[in-house]
Amino acid sequence: MGTDDEGELMIDDHEAIRGLKARYFRFMDTKDWARMRTLFTADSVLDMTGSPDGVVVGGDAFVSFLEAALAGAVTAHHGHTPEIVVSGASAEGIWAMQDYILWPDGNRLIGFGHYHDTYARADGRWRIATSRLARLHVDVREPDGTVTVRER
């Protein structure tokens, strides 16, 4: 990290992408949908295979999907140990992840796996261009105690 000609702090691309993904998790958990939308390219492709919608195209459509899917839910999403490769104005990243979702009806989901992302830099900002969630394990608990486990 250094400074530009004006003395402004320059954040390296890896750190900028880590911050982007951190905001993704925080905005999802705080249900800050307007700010969540700013994290994606207009033509982003988000593959949440295993959800009812599977693949969602476009940042607006993805945020609408999340808003409906997580309505009233308390969530905690964590991303760990990023592997980031930058190549000019594009980058790839793999993140280990774990999430916990508690819906108002008492259903709970605990899952873990990996996000496989690509990023695009435009106007000096990194945005998520594609994201594929590859779950390794999902544990769904219903209010009556029924447990459903899905493994890759």
Protein backbone atom coordinates (compact mmCIF):
# COMPACT_ATOMS: atom_id res chain seq x y z
CA MET A 1 0.00 0.00 0.00
CA GLY A 2 1.29 3.46 -0.84
CA THR A 3 0.07 6.93 -1.70
CA ASP A 4 -0.74 8.51 -5.03
CA ASP A 5 0.68 11.81 -6.32
CA GLU A 6 -1.83 13.72 -4.20
CA GLY A 7 -0.86 11.92 -1.00
CA GLU A 8 -4.10 9.89 -0.92
CA LEU A 9 -3.84 6.38 0.49
CA MET A 10 -3.99 3.74 -2.24
CA ILE A 11 -5.51 0.41 -1.28
CA ASP A 12 -4.08 -2.54 -3.10
CA ASP A 13 -6.46 -4.58 -5.25
CA HIS A 14 -6.42 -7.60 -2.94
CA GLU A 15 -7.42 -5.50 0.04
CA ALA A 16 -10.11 -3.70 -1.98
CA ILE A 17 -11.63 -7.05 -3.01
CA ARG A 18 -11.51 -8.34 0.58
CA GLY A 19 -13.37 -5.18 1.62
CA LEU A 20 -15.91 -5.68 -1.17
CA LYS A 21 -16.71 -9.22 -0.01
CA ALA A 22 -16.82 -8.11 3.65
CA ARG A 23 -19.44 -5.51 2.72
CA TYR A 24 -21.37 -8.21 0.82
CA PHE A 25 -21.66 -10.29 4.00
CA ARG A 26 -22.42 -7.29 6.24
CA PHE A 27 -25.03 -5.77 3.92
CA MET A 28 -26.74 -9.15 3.62
CA ASP A 29 -26.89 -9.62 7.40
CA THR A 30 -28.03 -6.04 8.07
CA LYS A 31 -30.53 -6.21 5.16
CA ASP A 32 -29.06 -3.04 3.63
CA TRP A 33 -30.39 -3.83 0.16
CA ALA A 34 -29.68 -0.42 -1.40
CA ARG A 35 -25.99 -0.63 -0.51
CA MET A 36 -25.89 -4.33 -1.41
CA ARG A 37 -26.93 -3.44 -4.97
CA THR A 38 -23.85 -1.21 -5.40
CA LEU A 39 -21.55 -4.23 -5.04
CA PHE A 40 -22.52 -5.87 -8.37
CA THR A 41 -22.01 -5.16 -12.03
CA ALA A 42 -25.25 -4.50 -13.93
CA ASP A 43 -24.89 -7.82 -15.79
CA SER A 44 -23.70 -9.92 -12.85
CA VAL A 45 -24.49 -13.64 -12.82
CA LEU A 46 -25.11 -15.21 -9.42
CA ASP A 47 -25.39 -18.97 -9.15
CA MET A 48 -27.03 -20.06 -5.92
CA THR A 49 -27.70 -23.58 -7.15
CA GLY A 50 -29.82 -25.37 -4.63
CA SER A 51 -32.09 -22.39 -4.03
CA PRO A 52 -35.47 -22.20 -5.76
CA ASP A 53 -34.18 -19.66 -8.28
CA GLY A 54 -30.80 -21.28 -8.98
CA VAL A 55 -29.09 -18.76 -11.26
CA VAL A 56 -30.01 -15.08 -11.08
CA VAL A 57 -28.83 -12.59 -13.73
CA GLY A 58 -28.39 -8.92 -12.86
CA GLY A 59 -27.59 -7.12 -9.64
CA ASP A 60 -31.13 -5.76 -9.27
CA ALA A 61 -32.64 -9.22 -9.72
CA PHE A 62 -30.22 -10.76 -7.22
CA VAL A 63 -30.93 -8.17 -4.54
CA SER A 64 -34.69 -8.65 -5.08
CA PHE A 65 -34.18 -12.41 -4.76
CA LEU A 66 -32.24 -11.98 -1.48
CA GLU A 67 -34.76 -9.53 -0.06
CA ALA A 68 -37.60 -12.02 -0.62
CA ALA A 69 -35.66 -15.12 0.44
CA LEU A 70 -34.40 -13.56 3.68
CA ALA A 71 -37.50 -11.54 4.62
CA GLY A 72 -37.70 -11.42 8.40
CA ALA A 73 -34.74 -13.79 8.83
CA VAL A 74 -31.85 -13.27 11.20
CA THR A 75 -28.65 -14.19 9.38
CA ALA A 76 -24.93 -14.50 9.95
CA HIS A 77 -22.67 -14.93 6.91
CA HIS A 78 -18.92 -15.37 7.19
CA GLY A 79 -16.23 -15.52 4.53
CA HIS A 80 -12.75 -16.82 5.30
CA THR A 81 -9.34 -17.48 3.80
CA PRO A 82 -9.74 -15.74 0.45
CA GLU A 83 -7.62 -16.84 -2.49
CA ILE A 84 -7.52 -13.83 -4.82
CA VAL A 85 -5.80 -13.54 -8.21
CA VAL A 86 -5.81 -10.14 -9.92
CA SER A 87 -5.21 -9.68 -13.64
CA GLY A 88 -5.53 -6.06 -14.71
CA ALA A 89 -9.14 -4.90 -14.35
CA SER A 90 -10.45 -8.37 -13.53
CA ALA A 91 -9.90 -10.78 -10.68
CA GLU A 92 -10.96 -14.18 -9.36
CA GLY A 93 -11.53 -15.20 -5.78
CA ILE A 94 -12.43 -18.29 -3.80
CA TRP A 95 -13.77 -17.85 -0.27
CA ALA A 96 -14.56 -20.46 2.35
CA MET A 97 -17.96 -19.59 3.79
CA GLN A 98 -20.38 -20.45 6.56
CA ASP A 99 -23.89 -19.16 7.05
CA TYR A 100 -26.61 -19.40 9.64
CA ILE A 101 -30.17 -18.37 8.84
CA LEU A 102 -33.10 -18.30 11.27
CA TRP A 103 -36.47 -17.59 9.64
CA PRO A 104 -39.46 -16.18 11.56
CA ASP A 105 -41.31 -19.53 11.30
CA GLY A 106 -38.52 -21.25 13.27
CA ASN A 107 -36.78 -22.95 10.34
CA ARG A 108 -32.99 -22.79 10.58
CA LEU A 109 -30.23 -23.37 8.07
CA ILE A 110 -26.58 -23.93 8.84
CA GLY A 111 -24.34 -24.34 5.83
CA PHE A 112 -20.78 -24.14 4.64
CA GLY A 113 -18.89 -24.32 1.39
CA HIS A 114 -17.11 -21.95 -0.99
CA TYR A 115 -17.89 -18.88 -3.04
CA HIS A 116 -16.22 -18.81 -6.47
CA ASP A 117 -16.29 -15.19 -7.61
CA THR A 118 -15.06 -13.02 -10.44
CA TYR A 119 -14.65 -9.28 -10.08
CA ALA A 120 -14.48 -6.36 -12.49
CA ARG A 121 -12.89 -2.97 -11.83
CA ALA A 122 -14.58 0.05 -13.41
CA ASP A 123 -14.45 3.70 -12.43
CA GLY A 124 -11.81 2.82 -9.83
CA ARG A 125 -14.10 0.40 -7.96
CA TRP A 126 -14.20 -3.38 -7.79
CA ARG A 127 -17.60 -5.04 -8.19
CA ILE A 128 -18.79 -8.64 -8.17
CA ALA A 129 -19.27 -9.84 -11.77
CA THR A 130 -20.08 -13.49 -11.07
CA SER A 131 -20.54 -15.53 -7.94
CA ARG A 132 -21.17 -19.25 -7.58
CA LEU A 133 -21.94 -20.74 -4.17
CA ALA A 134 -20.71 -24.33 -3.97
CA ARG A 135 -22.10 -25.74 -0.75
CA LEU A 136 -20.37 -28.67 0.90
CA HIS A 137 -22.96 -29.18 3.63
CA VAL A 138 -26.41 -27.83 4.55
CA ASP A 139 -28.23 -28.68 7.75
CA VAL A 140 -31.90 -27.56 7.79
CA ARG A 141 -33.81 -27.79 11.07
CA GLU A 142 -37.56 -27.36 11.13
CA PRO A 143 -39.49 -26.14 14.21
CA ASP A 144 -40.82 -29.67 14.84
CA GLY A 145 -37.26 -30.97 15.18
CA THR A 146 -37.03 -32.57 11.73
CA VAL A 147 -33.50 -32.31 10.38
CA THR A 148 -32.58 -32.50 6.70
CA VAL A 149 -28.92 -32.80 5.79
CA ARG A 150 -27.55 -32.23 2.30
CA GLU A 151 -23.95 -32.90 1.42
CA ARG A 152 -22.15 -32.30 -1.82
